[in-house]
Amino acid sequence: MEILKDLGIQWRVMCVNAAGFLLLLWLLRKFAFGPIGEILAERESEIEQNLSEAEEQREAAAREKQALESELSRLDQKAQEVISQAREEAAQQRAAIVRKAREESERLVAEGHEQVARAEQEARQQLRAETAQIAAELSAQALKQSLDEERQAGLVDAFIEDLRQRIEGGGRE
């Protein structure tokens, strides 16, 4: 205590100051630090909750993004399948159209050949009939007349000329 006296410190004043300081600390703790601590604790809890919610939202967004990318990939694959199928169907339709056109052209060519063959056969028959008729007419004329050689040669020449004209004129008389 002598040290305190040498320093000019009174121990009673010091005790009163210490008691006042302790009382001040107790009052601050009760009325200031307590509510401020609670506010800080609430704020800390709120921040942690917000961080937790933000993390959950980030994870949900990542899952949603992954799901959307997966769906987009699936849709791209489906679109490629649809395009591939459409191309295949178009190729099949094209082949069917080409095949039908080829069959139709072959049918028309065959019909044309048949018509030409019939027309040729009809022309030959008509030519034979006309030739037979001319020959019969000449025979009838030859029987009716007594012919000399010069007259016979003229009739044969006339027959041949008449036949040639009928052939060149398509046998239309």
N, C-alpha and C. Protein backbone atom coordinates (compact mmCIF):
# COMPACT_ATOMS: atom_id res chain seq x y z
N MET A 1 0.80 -1.15 0.00
CA MET A 1 0.00 0.00 0.00
C MET A 1 0.86 1.25 0.00
N GLU A 2 2.01 1.07 0.46
CA GLU A 2 2.88 2.21 0.52
C GLU A 2 3.26 2.64 -0.88
N ILE A 3 3.35 1.77 -1.70
CA ILE A 3 3.68 2.09 -3.10
C ILE A 3 2.57 2.97 -3.65
N LEU A 4 1.36 2.62 -3.35
CA LEU A 4 0.24 3.40 -3.84
C LEU A 4 0.30 4.81 -3.27
N LYS A 5 0.66 4.89 -2.02
CA LYS A 5 0.74 6.19 -1.37
C LYS A 5 1.85 7.00 -2.00
N ASP A 6 3.00 6.36 -2.29
CA ASP A 6 4.12 7.04 -2.91
C ASP A 6 3.72 7.53 -4.32
N LEU A 7 2.91 6.82 -4.97
CA LEU A 7 2.49 7.22 -6.31
C LEU A 7 1.36 8.25 -6.25
N GLY A 8 0.79 8.47 -5.18
CA GLY A 8 -0.27 9.43 -5.00
C GLY A 8 -1.63 8.86 -5.35
N ILE A 9 -1.74 7.52 -5.24
CA ILE A 9 -3.01 6.88 -5.56
C ILE A 9 -3.66 6.52 -4.26
N GLN A 10 -4.92 6.89 -4.15
CA GLN A 10 -5.66 6.56 -2.95
C GLN A 10 -6.43 5.27 -3.23
N TRP A 11 -6.26 4.33 -2.30
CA TRP A 11 -6.84 3.02 -2.53
C TRP A 11 -8.35 3.05 -2.47
N ARG A 12 -8.96 3.95 -1.69
CA ARG A 12 -10.42 4.01 -1.63
C ARG A 12 -10.96 4.54 -2.96
N VAL A 13 -10.31 5.52 -3.52
CA VAL A 13 -10.76 6.09 -4.80
C VAL A 13 -10.61 5.00 -5.88
N MET A 14 -9.51 4.28 -5.76
CA MET A 14 -9.28 3.23 -6.72
C MET A 14 -10.35 2.14 -6.58
N CYS A 15 -10.75 1.80 -5.43
CA CYS A 15 -11.80 0.78 -5.23
C CYS A 15 -13.12 1.28 -5.77
N VAL A 16 -13.40 2.55 -5.52
CA VAL A 16 -14.66 3.11 -6.01
C VAL A 16 -14.63 3.12 -7.54
N ASN A 17 -13.50 3.53 -8.10
CA ASN A 17 -13.37 3.54 -9.57
C ASN A 17 -13.48 2.12 -10.13
N ALA A 18 -12.87 1.14 -9.50
CA ALA A 18 -12.95 -0.23 -9.95
C ALA A 18 -14.38 -0.74 -9.86
N ALA A 19 -15.07 -0.38 -8.72
CA ALA A 19 -16.46 -0.81 -8.57
C ALA A 19 -17.31 -0.15 -9.64
N GLY A 20 -17.05 1.13 -9.91
CA GLY A 20 -17.80 1.84 -10.96
C GLY A 20 -17.54 1.21 -12.33
N PHE A 21 -16.26 0.86 -12.55
CA PHE A 21 -15.91 0.24 -13.82
C PHE A 21 -16.58 -1.12 -13.98
N LEU A 22 -16.58 -1.90 -12.91
CA LEU A 22 -17.23 -3.22 -12.95
C LEU A 22 -18.74 -3.06 -13.15
N LEU A 23 -19.30 -2.03 -12.46
CA LEU A 23 -20.72 -1.78 -12.62
C LEU A 23 -21.02 -1.36 -14.06
N LEU A 24 -20.15 -0.53 -14.61
CA LEU A 24 -20.31 -0.10 -16.01
C LEU A 24 -20.22 -1.30 -16.96
N LEU A 25 -19.26 -2.19 -16.72
CA LEU A 25 -19.13 -3.39 -17.56
C LEU A 25 -20.37 -4.26 -17.45
N TRP A 26 -20.87 -4.40 -16.21
CA TRP A 26 -22.06 -5.22 -16.02
C TRP A 26 -23.26 -4.60 -16.73
N LEU A 27 -23.43 -3.29 -16.65
CA LEU A 27 -24.54 -2.59 -17.30
C LEU A 27 -24.41 -2.69 -18.84
N LEU A 28 -23.20 -2.49 -19.32
CA LEU A 28 -22.98 -2.60 -20.77
C LEU A 28 -23.29 -4.01 -21.26
N ARG A 29 -22.82 -4.99 -20.49
CA ARG A 29 -23.06 -6.37 -20.88
C ARG A 29 -24.54 -6.68 -20.87
N LYS A 30 -25.25 -6.20 -19.87
CA LYS A 30 -26.66 -6.51 -19.73
C LYS A 30 -27.48 -5.77 -20.77
N PHE A 31 -27.22 -4.49 -20.94
CA PHE A 31 -28.08 -3.69 -21.80
C PHE A 31 -27.51 -3.41 -23.21
N ALA A 32 -26.24 -3.48 -23.40
CA ALA A 32 -25.67 -3.16 -24.71
C ALA A 32 -25.12 -4.41 -25.41
N PHE A 33 -24.18 -5.09 -24.75
CA PHE A 33 -23.54 -6.24 -25.40
C PHE A 33 -24.51 -7.39 -25.62
N GLY A 34 -25.44 -7.58 -24.75
CA GLY A 34 -26.43 -8.66 -24.89
C GLY A 34 -27.28 -8.47 -26.15
N PRO A 35 -27.98 -7.33 -26.27
CA PRO A 35 -28.79 -7.13 -27.47
C PRO A 35 -27.94 -7.04 -28.74
N ILE A 36 -26.79 -6.40 -28.63
CA ILE A 36 -25.92 -6.32 -29.81
C ILE A 36 -25.43 -7.71 -30.17
N GLY A 37 -25.07 -8.50 -29.20
CA GLY A 37 -24.65 -9.88 -29.44
C GLY A 37 -25.76 -10.69 -30.08
N GLU A 38 -26.98 -10.49 -29.57
CA GLU A 38 -28.11 -11.20 -30.15
C GLU A 38 -28.33 -10.76 -31.61
N ILE A 39 -28.25 -9.45 -31.84
CA ILE A 39 -28.41 -8.93 -33.20
C ILE A 39 -27.32 -9.50 -34.11
N LEU A 40 -26.10 -9.51 -33.62
CA LEU A 40 -25.00 -10.06 -34.40
C LEU A 40 -25.18 -11.57 -34.63
N ALA A 41 -25.66 -12.26 -33.61
CA ALA A 41 -25.90 -13.70 -33.75
C ALA A 41 -27.02 -13.95 -34.77
N GLU A 42 -28.08 -13.13 -34.68
CA GLU A 42 -29.18 -13.26 -35.65
C GLU A 42 -28.68 -12.97 -37.06
N ARG A 43 -27.87 -11.90 -37.16
CA ARG A 43 -27.34 -11.53 -38.48
C ARG A 43 -26.42 -12.64 -39.02
N GLU A 44 -25.61 -13.19 -38.15
CA GLU A 44 -24.73 -14.28 -38.54
C GLU A 44 -25.55 -15.49 -38.99
N SER A 45 -26.62 -15.81 -38.25
CA SER A 45 -27.49 -16.92 -38.59
C SER A 45 -28.19 -16.65 -39.93
N GLU A 46 -28.64 -15.41 -40.11
CA GLU A 46 -29.32 -15.04 -41.35
C GLU A 46 -28.36 -15.13 -42.54
N ILE A 47 -27.13 -14.67 -42.35
CA ILE A 47 -26.12 -14.75 -43.42
C ILE A 47 -25.81 -16.21 -43.75
N GLU A 48 -25.65 -17.04 -42.70
CA GLU A 48 -25.40 -18.46 -42.94
C GLU A 48 -26.57 -19.12 -43.67
N GLN A 49 -27.79 -18.73 -43.26
CA GLN A 49 -28.97 -19.28 -43.91
C GLN A 49 -29.02 -18.82 -45.38
N ASN A 50 -28.73 -17.54 -45.62
CA ASN A 50 -28.72 -17.02 -47.00
C ASN A 50 -27.64 -17.73 -47.83
N LEU A 51 -26.48 -17.95 -47.24
CA LEU A 51 -25.42 -18.67 -47.95
C LEU A 51 -25.84 -20.10 -48.25
N SER A 52 -26.48 -20.72 -47.28
CA SER A 52 -26.96 -22.09 -47.46
C SER A 52 -28.02 -22.14 -48.57
N GLU A 53 -28.95 -21.20 -48.54
CA GLU A 53 -29.98 -21.14 -49.58
C GLU A 53 -29.36 -20.86 -50.94
N ALA A 54 -28.39 -19.96 -50.97
CA ALA A 54 -27.71 -19.64 -52.23
C ALA A 54 -26.99 -20.88 -52.77
N GLU A 55 -26.36 -21.64 -51.89
CA GLU A 55 -25.67 -22.87 -52.31
C GLU A 55 -26.69 -23.89 -52.85
N GLU A 56 -27.83 -24.02 -52.14
CA GLU A 56 -28.87 -24.94 -52.59
C GLU A 56 -29.42 -24.50 -53.95
N GLN A 57 -29.62 -23.18 -54.12
CA GLN A 57 -30.11 -22.66 -55.40
C GLN A 57 -29.08 -22.88 -56.50
N ARG A 58 -27.80 -22.70 -56.18
CA ARG A 58 -26.75 -22.93 -57.16
C ARG A 58 -26.75 -24.40 -57.58
N GLU A 59 -26.87 -25.30 -56.59
CA GLU A 59 -26.91 -26.73 -56.90
C GLU A 59 -28.16 -27.08 -57.71
N ALA A 60 -29.30 -26.49 -57.34
CA ALA A 60 -30.55 -26.73 -58.09
C ALA A 60 -30.40 -26.21 -59.51
N ALA A 61 -29.79 -25.04 -59.66
CA ALA A 61 -29.58 -24.48 -61.00
C ALA A 61 -28.65 -25.38 -61.81
N ALA A 62 -27.62 -25.92 -61.16
CA ALA A 62 -26.70 -26.83 -61.85
C ALA A 62 -27.43 -28.10 -62.28
N ARG A 63 -28.27 -28.63 -61.39
CA ARG A 63 -29.07 -29.81 -61.75
C ARG A 63 -30.02 -29.49 -62.90
N GLU A 64 -30.66 -28.33 -62.84
CA GLU A 64 -31.59 -27.90 -63.89
C GLU A 64 -30.85 -27.73 -65.22
N LYS A 65 -29.66 -27.13 -65.13
CA LYS A 65 -28.85 -26.94 -66.34
C LYS A 65 -28.49 -28.30 -66.93
N GLN A 66 -28.08 -29.23 -66.08
CA GLN A 66 -27.72 -30.57 -66.54
C GLN A 66 -28.93 -31.26 -67.17
N ALA A 67 -30.10 -31.11 -66.52
CA ALA A 67 -31.32 -31.72 -67.07
C ALA A 67 -31.66 -31.09 -68.42
N LEU A 68 -31.54 -29.77 -68.52
CA LEU A 68 -31.83 -29.10 -69.78
C LEU A 68 -30.84 -29.51 -70.87
N GLU A 69 -29.58 -29.61 -70.52
CA GLU A 69 -28.58 -30.04 -71.51
C GLU A 69 -28.86 -31.48 -71.95
N SER A 70 -29.26 -32.32 -71.01
CA SER A 70 -29.60 -33.70 -71.35
C SER A 70 -30.81 -33.73 -72.27
N GLU A 71 -31.83 -32.94 -71.94
CA GLU A 71 -33.04 -32.87 -72.76
C GLU A 71 -32.71 -32.32 -74.15
N LEU A 72 -31.88 -31.29 -74.19
CA LEU A 72 -31.47 -30.71 -75.47
C LEU A 72 -30.70 -31.73 -76.30
N SER A 73 -29.84 -32.49 -75.67
CA SER A 73 -29.09 -33.53 -76.37
C SER A 73 -30.05 -34.60 -76.90
N ARG A 74 -31.02 -34.97 -76.07
CA ARG A 74 -32.00 -35.97 -76.49
C ARG A 74 -32.83 -35.45 -77.67
N LEU A 75 -33.22 -34.16 -77.60
CA LEU A 75 -34.00 -33.58 -78.68
C LEU A 75 -33.17 -33.48 -79.97
N ASP A 76 -31.88 -33.15 -79.83
CA ASP A 76 -31.00 -33.11 -81.00
C ASP A 76 -30.91 -34.49 -81.65
N GLN A 77 -30.77 -35.51 -80.81
CA GLN A 77 -30.68 -36.88 -81.32
C GLN A 77 -31.99 -37.26 -82.01
N LYS A 78 -33.11 -36.90 -81.38
CA LYS A 78 -34.43 -37.21 -81.96
C LYS A 78 -34.57 -36.48 -83.30
N ALA A 79 -34.14 -35.21 -83.35
CA ALA A 79 -34.22 -34.45 -84.61
C ALA A 79 -33.38 -35.12 -85.69
N GLN A 80 -32.19 -35.58 -85.32
CA GLN A 80 -31.34 -36.27 -86.29
C GLN A 80 -32.00 -37.55 -86.78
N GLU A 81 -32.66 -38.27 -85.88
CA GLU A 81 -33.36 -39.49 -86.27
C GLU A 81 -34.51 -39.17 -87.23
N VAL A 82 -35.26 -38.09 -86.92
CA VAL A 82 -36.39 -37.70 -87.77
C VAL A 82 -35.87 -37.30 -89.15
N ILE A 83 -34.77 -36.52 -89.18
CA ILE A 83 -34.19 -36.10 -90.45
C ILE A 83 -33.70 -37.31 -91.23
N SER A 84 -33.04 -38.22 -90.54
CA SER A 84 -32.54 -39.43 -91.20
C SER A 84 -33.70 -40.25 -91.76
N GLN A 85 -34.74 -40.40 -90.96
CA GLN A 85 -35.90 -41.17 -91.40
C GLN A 85 -36.57 -40.48 -92.59
N ALA A 86 -36.67 -39.14 -92.55
CA ALA A 86 -37.28 -38.41 -93.66
C ALA A 86 -36.45 -38.58 -94.93
N ARG A 87 -35.14 -38.54 -94.79
CA ARG A 87 -34.27 -38.74 -95.96
C ARG A 87 -34.45 -40.15 -96.53
N GLU A 88 -34.54 -41.13 -95.62
CA GLU A 88 -34.71 -42.52 -96.06
C GLU A 88 -36.04 -42.69 -96.78
N GLU A 89 -37.10 -42.11 -96.21
CA GLU A 89 -38.41 -42.20 -96.85
C GLU A 89 -38.40 -41.49 -98.20
N ALA A 90 -37.73 -40.34 -98.27
CA ALA A 90 -37.65 -39.61 -99.53
C ALA A 90 -36.90 -40.44 -100.58
N ALA A 91 -35.84 -41.09 -100.15
CA ALA A 91 -35.08 -41.95 -101.08
C ALA A 91 -35.94 -43.11 -101.56
N GLN A 92 -36.71 -43.70 -100.64
CA GLN A 92 -37.59 -44.81 -101.02
C GLN A 92 -38.66 -44.33 -102.00
N GLN A 93 -39.25 -43.16 -101.71
CA GLN A 93 -40.27 -42.62 -102.60
C GLN A 93 -39.67 -42.29 -103.96
N ARG A 94 -38.48 -41.73 -103.97
CA ARG A 94 -37.81 -41.41 -105.22
C ARG A 94 -37.57 -42.69 -106.03
N ALA A 95 -37.08 -43.73 -105.33
CA ALA A 95 -36.83 -45.00 -106.02
C ALA A 95 -38.13 -45.58 -106.56
N ALA A 96 -39.21 -45.48 -105.80
CA ALA A 96 -40.50 -45.99 -106.25
C ALA A 96 -40.99 -45.20 -107.46
N ILE A 97 -40.82 -43.88 -107.43
CA ILE A 97 -41.25 -43.05 -108.56
C ILE A 97 -40.43 -43.39 -109.80
N VAL A 98 -39.11 -43.53 -109.62
CA VAL A 98 -38.25 -43.88 -110.75
C VAL A 98 -38.63 -45.27 -111.29
N ARG A 99 -38.87 -46.22 -110.39
CA ARG A 99 -39.25 -47.57 -110.82
C ARG A 99 -40.57 -47.53 -111.59
N LYS A 100 -41.55 -46.78 -111.08
CA LYS A 100 -42.84 -46.70 -111.77
C LYS A 100 -42.69 -46.03 -113.14
N ALA A 101 -41.87 -44.97 -113.18
CA ALA A 101 -41.65 -44.28 -114.46
C ALA A 101 -40.97 -45.21 -115.45
N ARG A 102 -39.99 -45.98 -114.96
CA ARG A 102 -39.29 -46.92 -115.84
C ARG A 102 -40.26 -47.99 -116.34
N GLU A 103 -41.09 -48.53 -115.44
CA GLU A 103 -42.07 -49.54 -115.84
C GLU A 103 -43.05 -48.97 -116.86
N GLU A 104 -43.49 -47.72 -116.62
CA GLU A 104 -44.44 -47.09 -117.54
C GLU A 104 -43.80 -46.87 -118.90
N SER A 105 -42.54 -46.41 -118.91
CA SER A 105 -41.87 -46.19 -120.20
C SER A 105 -41.65 -47.53 -120.92
N GLU A 106 -41.30 -48.58 -120.18
CA GLU A 106 -41.13 -49.89 -120.80
C GLU A 106 -42.45 -50.40 -121.36
N ARG A 107 -43.53 -50.16 -120.62
CA ARG A 107 -44.86 -50.57 -121.09
C ARG A 107 -45.22 -49.82 -122.37
N LEU A 108 -44.96 -48.49 -122.37
CA LEU A 108 -45.28 -47.70 -123.55
C LEU A 108 -44.44 -48.12 -124.76
N VAL A 109 -43.16 -48.41 -124.53
CA VAL A 109 -42.29 -48.87 -125.61
C VAL A 109 -42.80 -50.21 -126.14
N ALA A 110 -43.18 -51.12 -125.23
CA ALA A 110 -43.69 -52.43 -125.66
C ALA A 110 -44.98 -52.27 -126.46
N GLU A 111 -45.86 -51.37 -126.00
CA GLU A 111 -47.10 -51.12 -126.73
C GLU A 111 -46.78 -50.53 -128.11
N GLY A 112 -45.79 -49.64 -128.16
CA GLY A 112 -45.39 -49.05 -129.44
C GLY A 112 -44.87 -50.12 -130.38
N HIS A 113 -44.04 -51.03 -129.86
CA HIS A 113 -43.53 -52.13 -130.68
C HIS A 113 -44.68 -53.01 -131.19
N GLU A 114 -45.62 -53.29 -130.31
CA GLU A 114 -46.76 -54.11 -130.70
C GLU A 114 -47.58 -53.41 -131.79
N GLN A 115 -47.80 -52.11 -131.65
CA GLN A 115 -48.57 -51.36 -132.65
C GLN A 115 -47.83 -51.35 -133.99
N VAL A 116 -46.51 -51.14 -133.92
CA VAL A 116 -45.72 -51.15 -135.16
C VAL A 116 -45.80 -52.53 -135.82
N ALA A 117 -45.68 -53.58 -135.02
CA ALA A 117 -45.75 -54.94 -135.57
C ALA A 117 -47.12 -55.20 -136.19
N ARG A 118 -48.20 -54.78 -135.52
CA ARG A 118 -49.55 -54.96 -136.06
C ARG A 118 -49.73 -54.16 -137.36
N ALA A 119 -49.23 -52.92 -137.34
CA ALA A 119 -49.35 -52.09 -138.54
C ALA A 119 -48.57 -52.71 -139.70
N GLU A 120 -47.38 -53.23 -139.40
CA GLU A 120 -46.57 -53.88 -140.44
C GLU A 120 -47.30 -55.11 -140.98
N GLN A 121 -47.85 -55.90 -140.05
CA GLN A 121 -48.57 -57.11 -140.47
C GLN A 121 -49.79 -56.74 -141.32
N GLU A 122 -50.53 -55.71 -140.89
CA GLU A 122 -51.70 -55.27 -141.64
C GLU A 122 -51.29 -54.77 -143.02
N ALA A 123 -50.17 -54.02 -143.09
CA ALA A 123 -49.71 -53.50 -144.38
C ALA A 123 -49.32 -54.65 -145.30
N ARG A 124 -48.65 -55.66 -144.75
CA ARG A 124 -48.26 -56.83 -145.56
C ARG A 124 -49.50 -57.56 -146.08
N GLN A 125 -50.49 -57.74 -145.19
CA GLN A 125 -51.71 -58.44 -145.60
C GLN A 125 -52.44 -57.65 -146.69
N GLN A 126 -52.48 -56.33 -146.51
CA GLN A 126 -53.15 -55.50 -147.49
C GLN A 126 -52.39 -55.55 -148.82
N LEU A 127 -51.05 -55.52 -148.74
CA LEU A 127 -50.24 -55.60 -149.96
C LEU A 127 -50.46 -56.94 -150.67
N ARG A 128 -50.53 -58.03 -149.91
CA ARG A 128 -50.77 -59.35 -150.50
C ARG A 128 -52.14 -59.39 -151.17
N ALA A 129 -53.12 -58.81 -150.44
CA ALA A 129 -54.48 -58.82 -151.00
C ALA A 129 -54.53 -58.01 -152.29
N GLU A 130 -53.90 -56.85 -152.29
CA GLU A 130 -53.91 -56.01 -153.50
C GLU A 130 -53.13 -56.67 -154.63
N THR A 131 -51.99 -57.30 -154.25
CA THR A 131 -51.20 -58.00 -155.26
C THR A 131 -52.02 -59.14 -155.88
N ALA A 132 -52.71 -59.86 -155.02
CA ALA A 132 -53.54 -60.96 -155.52
C ALA A 132 -54.65 -60.43 -156.41
N GLN A 133 -55.24 -59.30 -156.02
CA GLN A 133 -56.32 -58.72 -156.81
C GLN A 133 -55.80 -58.25 -158.17
N ILE A 134 -54.63 -57.62 -158.17
CA ILE A 134 -54.05 -57.14 -159.43
C ILE A 134 -53.70 -58.33 -160.32
N ALA A 135 -53.14 -59.36 -159.69
CA ALA A 135 -52.78 -60.56 -160.46
C ALA A 135 -54.03 -61.20 -161.05
N ALA A 136 -55.11 -61.22 -160.27
CA ALA A 136 -56.36 -61.79 -160.77
C ALA A 136 -56.91 -60.95 -161.91
N GLU A 137 -56.83 -59.63 -161.77
CA GLU A 137 -57.30 -58.75 -162.83
C GLU A 137 -56.49 -58.95 -164.10
N LEU A 138 -55.18 -59.05 -163.96
CA LEU A 138 -54.32 -59.24 -165.12
C LEU A 138 -54.59 -60.60 -165.78
N SER A 139 -54.82 -61.58 -164.93
CA SER A 139 -55.12 -62.91 -165.47
C SER A 139 -56.42 -62.88 -166.25
N ALA A 140 -57.38 -62.17 -165.67
CA ALA A 140 -58.67 -62.06 -166.35
C ALA A 140 -58.51 -61.34 -167.67
N GLN A 141 -57.74 -60.26 -167.68
CA GLN A 141 -57.51 -59.51 -168.91
C GLN A 141 -56.76 -60.37 -169.92
N ALA A 142 -55.79 -61.15 -169.41
CA ALA A 142 -54.99 -61.99 -170.31
C ALA A 142 -55.85 -63.07 -170.95
N LEU A 143 -56.79 -63.58 -170.22
CA LEU A 143 -57.65 -64.62 -170.76
C LEU A 143 -58.63 -64.05 -171.79
N LYS A 144 -59.04 -62.83 -171.54
CA LYS A 144 -60.02 -62.22 -172.42
C LYS A 144 -59.40 -61.88 -173.77
N GLN A 145 -58.20 -61.58 -173.75
CA GLN A 145 -57.55 -61.16 -174.99
C GLN A 145 -56.49 -62.18 -175.38
N SER A 146 -56.35 -62.27 -176.55
CA SER A 146 -55.22 -63.06 -176.98
C SER A 146 -54.08 -62.08 -177.10
N LEU A 147 -53.09 -62.38 -176.44
CA LEU A 147 -52.02 -61.42 -176.32
C LEU A 147 -50.83 -61.86 -177.13
N ASP A 148 -50.23 -60.90 -177.65
CA ASP A 148 -48.95 -61.17 -178.28
C ASP A 148 -47.87 -60.86 -177.26
N GLU A 149 -46.65 -61.16 -177.63
CA GLU A 149 -45.56 -60.99 -176.68
C GLU A 149 -45.36 -59.53 -176.30
N GLU A 150 -45.47 -58.69 -177.24
CA GLU A 150 -45.27 -57.27 -176.95
C GLU A 150 -46.36 -56.76 -176.01
N ARG A 151 -47.53 -57.17 -176.23
CA ARG A 151 -48.67 -56.75 -175.39
C ARG A 151 -48.51 -57.34 -173.99
N GLN A 152 -48.07 -58.59 -173.89
CA GLN A 152 -47.86 -59.21 -172.57
C GLN A 152 -46.78 -58.46 -171.79
N ALA A 153 -45.70 -58.14 -172.43
CA ALA A 153 -44.62 -57.41 -171.77
C ALA A 153 -45.13 -56.06 -171.28
N GLY A 154 -45.98 -55.38 -172.08
CA GLY A 154 -46.54 -54.08 -171.66
C GLY A 154 -47.45 -54.24 -170.45
N LEU A 155 -48.27 -55.32 -170.43
CA LEU A 155 -49.16 -55.55 -169.29
C LEU A 155 -48.36 -55.86 -168.01
N VAL A 156 -47.31 -56.66 -168.14
CA VAL A 156 -46.47 -56.98 -166.98
C VAL A 156 -45.80 -55.71 -166.47
N ASP A 157 -45.29 -54.89 -167.41
CA ASP A 157 -44.66 -53.62 -167.00
C ASP A 157 -45.68 -52.71 -166.31
N ALA A 158 -46.88 -52.65 -166.85
CA ALA A 158 -47.93 -51.83 -166.25
C ALA A 158 -48.29 -52.36 -164.86
N PHE A 159 -48.35 -53.68 -164.75
CA PHE A 159 -48.65 -54.30 -163.43
C PHE A 159 -47.58 -53.92 -162.40
N ILE A 160 -46.31 -54.05 -162.83
CA ILE A 160 -45.20 -53.75 -161.91
C ILE A 160 -45.24 -52.26 -161.52
N GLU A 161 -45.50 -51.37 -162.52
CA GLU A 161 -45.57 -49.93 -162.23
C GLU A 161 -46.73 -49.63 -161.29
N ASP A 162 -47.87 -50.26 -161.53
CA ASP A 162 -49.03 -50.08 -160.66
C ASP A 162 -48.73 -50.57 -159.25
N LEU A 163 -48.06 -51.69 -159.15
CA LEU A 163 -47.69 -52.25 -157.85
C LEU A 163 -46.73 -51.33 -157.12
N ARG A 164 -45.74 -50.80 -157.89
CA ARG A 164 -44.76 -49.89 -157.28
C ARG A 164 -45.48 -48.63 -156.75
N GLN A 165 -46.39 -48.09 -157.49
CA GLN A 165 -47.11 -46.89 -157.06
C GLN A 165 -47.95 -47.17 -155.82
N ARG A 166 -48.55 -48.31 -155.77
CA ARG A 166 -49.36 -48.67 -154.59
C ARG A 166 -48.48 -48.84 -153.33
N ILE A 167 -47.30 -49.41 -153.54
CA ILE A 167 -46.40 -49.60 -152.41
C ILE A 167 -45.90 -48.25 -151.92
N GLU A 168 -45.49 -47.40 -152.87
CA GLU A 168 -44.97 -46.08 -152.48
C GLU A 168 -46.07 -45.20 -151.91
N GLY A 169 -47.24 -45.33 -152.37
CA GLY A 169 -48.36 -44.53 -151.86
C GLY A 169 -48.95 -45.13 -150.60
N GLY A 170 -48.37 -46.14 -150.05
CA GLY A 170 -48.82 -46.74 -148.81
C GLY A 170 -49.98 -47.68 -149.02
N GLY A 171 -50.24 -48.01 -150.26
CA GLY A 171 -51.30 -48.99 -150.53
C GLY A 171 -52.67 -48.38 -150.33
N ARG A 172 -52.81 -47.08 -150.58
CA ARG A 172 -54.11 -46.43 -150.35
C ARG A 172 -54.80 -46.21 -151.69
N GLU A 173 -55.60 -47.06 -152.10
CA GLU A 173 -56.41 -46.85 -153.29
C GLU A 173 -57.70 -47.55 -153.15
